[in-house]
């Protein structure tokens, strides 16, 4: 069970901290990803973090402005979103997947492999 929070309305250039609280799973063993989907567009992976090493990945659209982190003690993954642009308006989802191996870079895990998804949190950006 994944529950996102932290979305809202921000002005362009503003920041948000999205949270995703996990329950019912051994969170520390799961790879975690953040995705977003804007109306009429395909779902896009924004960032991910692996389970053991804290290695991360960012889409080009997120590099330099977004930061993913996880707190295994709190079963929570975060996405700090800075410098929001109008095109960043979307529903942001977190997702989780348990892999057989932990030496896989999360950037090599396709989105369709994630099998646990939250309901999403809406991010709206005013220009």
C-alpha atoms as a PDB file:
ATOM      1  CA  UNK A   1       0.000   0.000   0.000  1.00  0.00           C
ATOM      2  CA  UNK A   2       1.516   3.306  -1.136  1.00  0.00           C
ATOM      3  CA  UNK A   3       0.092   6.713  -0.277  1.00  0.00           C
ATOM      4  CA  UNK A   4       1.415   9.903  -1.833  1.00  0.00           C
ATOM      5  CA  UNK A   5       1.064  13.340  -0.354  1.00  0.00           C
ATOM      6  CA  UNK A   6       2.513  16.809  -0.728  1.00  0.00           C
ATOM      7  CA  UNK A   7       1.056  17.856  -4.042  1.00  0.00           C
ATOM      8  CA  UNK A   8      -0.682  21.160  -4.533  1.00  0.00           C
ATOM      9  CA  UNK A   9      -0.766  24.419  -6.441  1.00  0.00           C
ATOM     10  CA  UNK A  10       2.467  26.315  -6.841  1.00  0.00           C
ATOM     11  CA  UNK A  11       3.659  29.198  -8.959  1.00  0.00           C
ATOM     12  CA  UNK A  12       6.176  28.506 -11.681  1.00  0.00           C
ATOM     13  CA  UNK A  13       9.597  28.324 -10.090  1.00  0.00           C
ATOM     14  CA  UNK A  14       8.174  27.099  -6.819  1.00  0.00           C
ATOM     15  CA  UNK A  15       8.964  23.953  -4.869  1.00  0.00           C
ATOM     16  CA  UNK A  16       7.162  21.015  -3.360  1.00  0.00           C
ATOM     17  CA  UNK A  17       8.206  18.003  -1.344  1.00  0.00           C
ATOM     18  CA  UNK A  18       6.262  14.922  -2.325  1.00  0.00           C
ATOM     19  CA  UNK A  19       6.098  11.988   0.069  1.00  0.00           C
ATOM     20  CA  UNK A  20       5.123   8.388  -0.440  1.00  0.00           C
ATOM     21  CA  UNK A  21       4.420   6.328   2.649  1.00  0.00           C
ATOM     22  CA  UNK A  22       4.550   2.564   2.266  1.00  0.00           C
ATOM     23  CA  UNK A  23       2.868  -0.076   4.359  1.00  0.00           C
ATOM     24  CA  UNK A  24       2.428  -3.816   4.128  1.00  0.00           C
ATOM     25  CA  UNK A  25       5.784  -4.464   2.516  1.00  0.00           C
ATOM     26  CA  UNK A  26       9.418  -4.790   3.480  1.00  0.00           C
ATOM     27  CA  UNK A  27      10.137  -1.292   2.286  1.00  0.00           C
ATOM     28  CA  UNK A  28      13.898  -1.444   2.629  1.00  0.00           C
ATOM     29  CA  UNK A  29      14.090  -4.195   0.011  1.00  0.00           C
ATOM     30  CA  UNK A  30      12.045  -2.378  -2.633  1.00  0.00           C
ATOM     31  CA  UNK A  31      13.194  -0.233  -5.494  1.00  0.00           C
ATOM     32  CA  UNK A  32      11.127   2.933  -5.529  1.00  0.00           C
ATOM     33  CA  UNK A  33      10.203   5.174  -8.415  1.00  0.00           C
ATOM     34  CA  UNK A  34       8.395   8.432  -9.028  1.00  0.00           C
ATOM     35  CA  UNK A  35       6.339   8.813 -12.176  1.00  0.00           C
ATOM     36  CA  UNK A  36       4.070  11.522 -13.500  1.00  0.00           C
ATOM     37  CA  UNK A  37       1.265  11.711 -15.983  1.00  0.00           C
ATOM     38  CA  UNK A  38      -0.169  14.872 -17.458  1.00  0.00           C
ATOM     39  CA  UNK A  39      -3.568  14.939 -19.187  1.00  0.00           C
ATOM     40  CA  UNK A  40      -3.364  13.452 -22.643  1.00  0.00           C
ATOM     41  CA  UNK A  41       0.221  12.339 -22.186  1.00  0.00           C
ATOM     42  CA  UNK A  42       1.900   9.059 -21.440  1.00  0.00           C
ATOM     43  CA  UNK A  43       3.185   8.232 -18.001  1.00  0.00           C
ATOM     44  CA  UNK A  44       6.768   9.367 -17.573  1.00  0.00           C
ATOM     45  CA  UNK A  45       9.344   8.096 -15.113  1.00  0.00           C
ATOM     46  CA  UNK A  46      10.829  11.033 -13.281  1.00  0.00           C
ATOM     47  CA  UNK A  47      13.217   9.436 -10.834  1.00  0.00           C
ATOM     48  CA  UNK A  48      14.041   6.233  -9.010  1.00  0.00           C
ATOM     49  CA  UNK A  49      16.185   4.940  -6.186  1.00  0.00           C
ATOM     50  CA  UNK A  50      17.438   1.456  -5.535  1.00  0.00           C
ATOM     51  CA  UNK A  51      17.065  -0.503  -2.337  1.00  0.00           C
ATOM     52  CA  UNK A  52      20.575  -1.124  -1.083  1.00  0.00           C
ATOM     53  CA  UNK A  53      22.990   1.463  -2.371  1.00  0.00           C
ATOM     54  CA  UNK A  54      20.958   4.615  -2.672  1.00  0.00           C
ATOM     55  CA  UNK A  55      21.782   4.895  -6.339  1.00  0.00           C
ATOM     56  CA  UNK A  56      19.430   7.199  -8.143  1.00  0.00           C
ATOM     57  CA  UNK A  57      18.258   8.066 -11.619  1.00  0.00           C
ATOM     58  CA  UNK A  58      16.689  11.222 -12.987  1.00  0.00           C
ATOM     59  CA  UNK A  59      14.965  11.878 -16.258  1.00  0.00           C
ATOM     60  CA  UNK A  60      16.502  14.717 -18.240  1.00  0.00           C
ATOM     61  CA  UNK A  61      13.495  16.842 -17.355  1.00  0.00           C
ATOM     62  CA  UNK A  62      14.276  16.367 -13.666  1.00  0.00           C
ATOM     63  CA  UNK A  63      18.046  16.616 -13.511  1.00  0.00           C
ATOM     64  CA  UNK A  64      19.312  19.460 -11.408  1.00  0.00           C
ATOM     65  CA  UNK A  65      15.878  20.318  -9.997  1.00  0.00           C
ATOM     66  CA  UNK A  66      14.457  17.133  -8.454  1.00  0.00           C
ATOM     67  CA  UNK A  67      15.945  15.058  -5.647  1.00  0.00           C
ATOM     68  CA  UNK A  68      14.770  11.610  -4.640  1.00  0.00           C
ATOM     69  CA  UNK A  69      15.531  10.185  -1.224  1.00  0.00           C
ATOM     70  CA  UNK A  70      14.270   7.468   1.051  1.00  0.00           C
ATOM     71  CA  UNK A  71      13.990   6.957   4.782  1.00  0.00           C
ATOM     72  CA  UNK A  72      13.772   3.246   5.450  1.00  0.00           C
ATOM     73  CA  UNK A  73      13.062   3.837   9.138  1.00  0.00           C
ATOM     74  CA  UNK A  74       9.911   5.721   8.143  1.00  0.00           C
ATOM     75  CA  UNK A  75       9.028   3.525   5.140  1.00  0.00           C
ATOM     76  CA  UNK A  76       8.876   6.665   3.055  1.00  0.00           C
ATOM     77  CA  UNK A  77      10.332   7.898  -0.211  1.00  0.00           C
ATOM     78  CA  UNK A  78      10.479  11.592  -1.041  1.00  0.00           C
ATOM     79  CA  UNK A  79      10.744  13.694  -4.141  1.00  0.00           C
ATOM     80  CA  UNK A  80      11.917  17.240  -3.646  1.00  0.00           C
ATOM     81  CA  UNK A  81      10.768  19.207  -6.646  1.00  0.00           C
ATOM     82  CA  UNK A  82      12.334  22.601  -7.203  1.00  0.00           C
ATOM     83  CA  UNK A  83      11.996  25.092 -10.008  1.00  0.00           C
ATOM     84  CA  UNK A  84       8.641  23.751 -11.125  1.00  0.00           C
ATOM     85  CA  UNK A  85       7.710  24.560 -14.677  1.00  0.00           C
ATOM     86  CA  UNK A  86       4.183  24.692 -16.115  1.00  0.00           C
ATOM     87  CA  UNK A  87       4.959  21.522 -18.077  1.00  0.00           C
ATOM     88  CA  UNK A  88       5.656  19.792 -14.778  1.00  0.00           C
ATOM     89  CA  UNK A  89       1.984  19.899 -13.864  1.00  0.00           C
ATOM     90  CA  UNK A  90       0.761  16.325 -13.584  1.00  0.00           C
ATOM     91  CA  UNK A  91      -0.378  13.630 -11.244  1.00  0.00           C
ATOM     92  CA  UNK A  92       2.717  12.274  -9.546  1.00  0.00           C
ATOM     93  CA  UNK A  93       2.732   8.612  -8.593  1.00  0.00           C
ATOM     94  CA  UNK A  94       5.126   6.562  -6.559  1.00  0.00           C
ATOM     95  CA  UNK A  95       5.694   2.911  -7.328  1.00  0.00           C
ATOM     96  CA  UNK A  96       7.579  -0.007  -5.856  1.00  0.00           C
ATOM     97  CA  UNK A  97       9.109  -3.215  -7.118  1.00  0.00           C
ATOM     98  CA  UNK A  98      10.976  -6.047  -5.453  1.00  0.00           C
ATOM     99  CA  UNK A  99      13.726  -7.435  -7.644  1.00  0.00           C
ATOM    100  CA  UNK A 100      15.508 -10.778  -7.413  1.00  0.00           C
ATOM    101  CA  UNK A 101      18.814  -8.956  -7.607  1.00  0.00           C
ATOM    102  CA  UNK A 102      19.921  -5.781  -5.880  1.00  0.00           C
ATOM    103  CA  UNK A 103      22.853  -4.981  -8.162  1.00  0.00           C
ATOM    104  CA  UNK A 104      20.536  -3.693 -10.866  1.00  0.00           C
ATOM    105  CA  UNK A 105      20.581   0.026 -11.492  1.00  0.00           C
ATOM    106  CA  UNK A 106      17.095   1.415 -11.039  1.00  0.00           C
ATOM    107  CA  UNK A 107      17.466   3.171 -14.381  1.00  0.00           C
ATOM    108  CA  UNK A 108      17.451  -0.302 -15.952  1.00  0.00           C
ATOM    109  CA  UNK A 109      14.085  -1.196 -14.414  1.00  0.00           C
ATOM    110  CA  UNK A 110      11.276  -0.466 -16.860  1.00  0.00           C
ATOM    111  CA  UNK A 111       8.223   1.275 -15.537  1.00  0.00           C
ATOM    112  CA  UNK A 112       5.982  -1.653 -16.400  1.00  0.00           C
ATOM    113  CA  UNK A 113       7.929  -3.817 -13.985  1.00  0.00           C
ATOM    114  CA  UNK A 114       6.768  -1.800 -10.992  1.00  0.00           C
ATOM    115  CA  UNK A 115       3.856  -3.703  -9.487  1.00  0.00           C
ATOM    116  CA  UNK A 116       2.781  -1.552  -6.565  1.00  0.00           C
ATOM    117  CA  UNK A 117       1.385   1.912  -7.228  1.00  0.00           C
ATOM    118  CA  UNK A 118      -0.067   4.699  -5.199  1.00  0.00           C
ATOM    119  CA  UNK A 119      -3.128   6.722  -6.141  1.00  0.00           C
ATOM    120  CA  UNK A 120      -1.116   9.788  -7.015  1.00  0.00           C
ATOM    121  CA  UNK A 121      -0.902  13.368  -5.871  1.00  0.00           C
ATOM    122  CA  UNK A 122      -1.816  16.294  -8.102  1.00  0.00           C
ATOM    123  CA  UNK A 123       0.758  18.972  -8.824  1.00  0.00           C
ATOM    124  CA  UNK A 124      -0.572  22.119 -10.468  1.00  0.00           C
ATOM    125  CA  UNK A 125       1.732  24.883 -11.661  1.00  0.00           C
ATOM    126  CA  UNK A 126       0.487  28.381 -12.364  1.00  0.00           C
ATOM    127  CA  UNK A 127       2.433  30.546 -14.761  1.00  0.00           C
END
